[in-house]
Amino acid sequence: MNRHDNPNHCIACTVQQCAHHCQGENYCALDSILVGTHEANPTEDQCTDCKSFLKK
């Protein structure tokens, strides 16, 4: 079974450019993800990043 045939329904994701994205469904195939920030003092959702992102 391809890893991307098993979406994790606890992790919704719409980033189709990520290698972990389940094509055809807006979910991630990973068991867990790491969320981080690129700001010293994040105050908005745009300040956060999925550190598990892997470009296709």
N, C-alpha and C. Protein backbone atom coordinates (compact mmCIF):
# COMPACT_ATOMS: atom_id res chain seq x y z
N MET A 1 0.85 -1.18 0.00
CA MET A 1 0.00 0.00 0.00
C MET A 1 0.89 1.24 0.00
N ASN A 2 0.56 2.17 -0.85
CA ASN A 2 1.27 3.44 -0.89
C ASN A 2 0.93 4.23 0.35
N ARG A 3 1.90 4.83 0.94
CA ARG A 3 1.72 5.62 2.15
C ARG A 3 0.65 6.71 1.96
N HIS A 4 0.53 7.25 0.75
CA HIS A 4 -0.41 8.32 0.48
C HIS A 4 -1.83 7.82 0.22
N ASP A 5 -2.01 6.52 0.28
CA ASP A 5 -3.34 5.94 0.18
C ASP A 5 -3.98 5.82 1.56
N ASN A 6 -3.27 6.26 2.59
CA ASN A 6 -3.74 6.13 3.97
C ASN A 6 -3.76 7.50 4.65
N PRO A 7 -4.74 8.35 4.33
CA PRO A 7 -4.78 9.69 4.92
C PRO A 7 -5.03 9.65 6.43
N ASN A 8 -4.38 10.55 7.13
CA ASN A 8 -4.61 10.72 8.56
C ASN A 8 -5.74 11.74 8.70
N HIS A 9 -6.92 11.28 9.05
CA HIS A 9 -8.08 12.16 9.12
C HIS A 9 -8.03 13.13 10.30
N CYS A 10 -6.99 13.04 11.11
CA CYS A 10 -6.79 14.00 12.19
C CYS A 10 -5.94 15.19 11.74
N ILE A 11 -5.33 15.10 10.54
CA ILE A 11 -4.49 16.18 10.03
C ILE A 11 -5.00 16.61 8.67
N ALA A 12 -5.86 17.61 8.67
CA ALA A 12 -6.36 18.18 7.41
C ALA A 12 -5.25 19.02 6.78
N CYS A 13 -5.13 18.95 5.46
CA CYS A 13 -4.09 19.70 4.76
C CYS A 13 -4.52 19.95 3.32
N THR A 14 -4.29 21.16 2.84
CA THR A 14 -4.63 21.52 1.47
C THR A 14 -3.41 21.84 0.63
N VAL A 15 -2.20 21.58 1.14
CA VAL A 15 -0.97 21.92 0.44
C VAL A 15 -0.60 20.77 -0.51
N GLN A 16 -1.08 20.85 -1.73
CA GLN A 16 -0.88 19.78 -2.70
C GLN A 16 0.56 19.67 -3.18
N GLN A 17 1.38 20.68 -2.91
CA GLN A 17 2.78 20.65 -3.31
C GLN A 17 3.65 19.86 -2.33
N CYS A 18 3.07 19.43 -1.23
CA CYS A 18 3.81 18.66 -0.23
C CYS A 18 3.81 17.18 -0.59
N ALA A 19 4.94 16.54 -0.39
CA ALA A 19 5.08 15.12 -0.69
C ALA A 19 4.22 14.24 0.23
N HIS A 20 3.81 14.77 1.37
CA HIS A 20 3.00 14.00 2.32
C HIS A 20 1.49 14.16 2.10
N HIS A 21 1.10 15.02 1.15
CA HIS A 21 -0.32 15.29 0.89
C HIS A 21 -0.96 14.08 0.21
N CYS A 22 -2.15 13.69 0.66
CA CYS A 22 -2.90 12.60 0.03
C CYS A 22 -3.67 13.17 -1.15
N GLN A 23 -3.21 12.90 -2.31
CA GLN A 23 -3.86 13.42 -3.51
C GLN A 23 -5.30 12.92 -3.58
N GLY A 24 -6.21 13.81 -3.91
CA GLY A 24 -7.62 13.46 -3.98
C GLY A 24 -8.35 13.68 -2.68
N GLU A 25 -7.61 13.84 -1.59
CA GLU A 25 -8.21 14.11 -0.28
C GLU A 25 -7.36 15.18 0.39
N ASN A 26 -7.98 16.07 1.11
CA ASN A 26 -7.24 17.14 1.77
C ASN A 26 -6.79 16.73 3.16
N TYR A 27 -5.91 15.71 3.18
CA TYR A 27 -5.33 15.21 4.42
C TYR A 27 -3.86 14.91 4.23
N CYS A 28 -3.16 14.86 5.36
CA CYS A 28 -1.74 14.50 5.39
C CYS A 28 -1.62 13.00 5.61
N ALA A 29 -0.57 12.40 5.07
CA ALA A 29 -0.34 10.97 5.24
C ALA A 29 0.53 10.66 6.46
N LEU A 30 1.11 11.67 7.09
CA LEU A 30 1.97 11.44 8.24
C LEU A 30 1.17 11.07 9.48
N ASP A 31 1.80 10.39 10.42
CA ASP A 31 1.16 10.07 11.70
C ASP A 31 1.07 11.31 12.58
N SER A 32 2.05 12.19 12.45
CA SER A 32 2.06 13.45 13.20
C SER A 32 2.86 14.47 12.42
N ILE A 33 2.66 15.74 12.73
CA ILE A 33 3.41 16.81 12.08
C ILE A 33 4.03 17.70 13.15
N LEU A 34 5.00 18.51 12.74
CA LEU A 34 5.62 19.49 13.62
C LEU A 34 5.22 20.88 13.13
N VAL A 35 4.59 21.66 13.99
CA VAL A 35 4.23 23.03 13.67
C VAL A 35 5.21 23.94 14.39
N GLY A 36 5.75 24.89 13.64
CA GLY A 36 6.71 25.83 14.21
C GLY A 36 6.42 27.23 13.74
N THR A 37 7.39 28.13 13.95
CA THR A 37 7.22 29.52 13.55
C THR A 37 8.53 30.06 12.98
N HIS A 38 8.40 31.09 12.16
CA HIS A 38 9.58 31.77 11.63
C HIS A 38 9.69 33.17 12.23
N GLU A 39 8.89 33.45 13.25
CA GLU A 39 8.87 34.76 13.91
C GLU A 39 9.34 34.62 15.35
N ALA A 40 9.95 35.68 15.87
CA ALA A 40 10.38 35.69 17.27
C ALA A 40 9.18 35.77 18.22
N ASN A 41 8.12 36.45 17.77
CA ASN A 41 6.93 36.63 18.60
C ASN A 41 5.70 36.47 17.71
N PRO A 42 5.30 35.23 17.38
CA PRO A 42 4.17 35.04 16.47
C PRO A 42 2.87 35.59 17.06
N THR A 43 2.14 36.33 16.21
CA THR A 43 0.87 36.92 16.66
C THR A 43 -0.28 36.62 15.71
N GLU A 44 0.01 36.02 14.54
CA GLU A 44 -1.02 35.70 13.56
C GLU A 44 -0.77 34.30 13.00
N ASP A 45 -1.81 33.70 12.44
CA ASP A 45 -1.66 32.35 11.90
C ASP A 45 -0.63 32.30 10.77
N GLN A 46 -0.44 33.41 10.06
CA GLN A 46 0.55 33.45 8.98
C GLN A 46 1.98 33.33 9.50
N CYS A 47 2.17 33.48 10.79
CA CYS A 47 3.50 33.38 11.40
C CYS A 47 3.89 31.94 11.69
N THR A 48 2.98 31.00 11.51
CA THR A 48 3.27 29.59 11.80
C THR A 48 3.53 28.81 10.53
N ASP A 49 4.27 27.72 10.66
CA ASP A 49 4.66 26.90 9.52
C ASP A 49 4.54 25.42 9.87
N CYS A 50 4.24 24.61 8.85
CA CYS A 50 4.32 23.16 9.01
C CYS A 50 5.76 22.77 8.75
N LYS A 51 6.48 22.41 9.79
CA LYS A 51 7.89 22.05 9.67
C LYS A 51 8.06 20.65 9.09
N SER A 52 6.96 19.93 8.87
CA SER A 52 7.01 18.60 8.26
C SER A 52 6.88 18.66 6.74
N PHE A 53 6.69 19.87 6.19
CA PHE A 53 6.54 20.05 4.76
C PHE A 53 7.75 19.51 4.00
N LEU A 54 7.47 18.77 2.94
CA LEU A 54 8.52 18.24 2.07
C LEU A 54 8.06 18.46 0.63
N LYS A 55 8.80 19.28 -0.10
CA LYS A 55 8.44 19.59 -1.48
C LYS A 55 8.45 18.32 -2.32
N LYS A 56 7.40 18.19 -3.15
CA LYS A 56 7.32 17.04 -4.06
C LYS A 56 8.46 17.06 -5.02
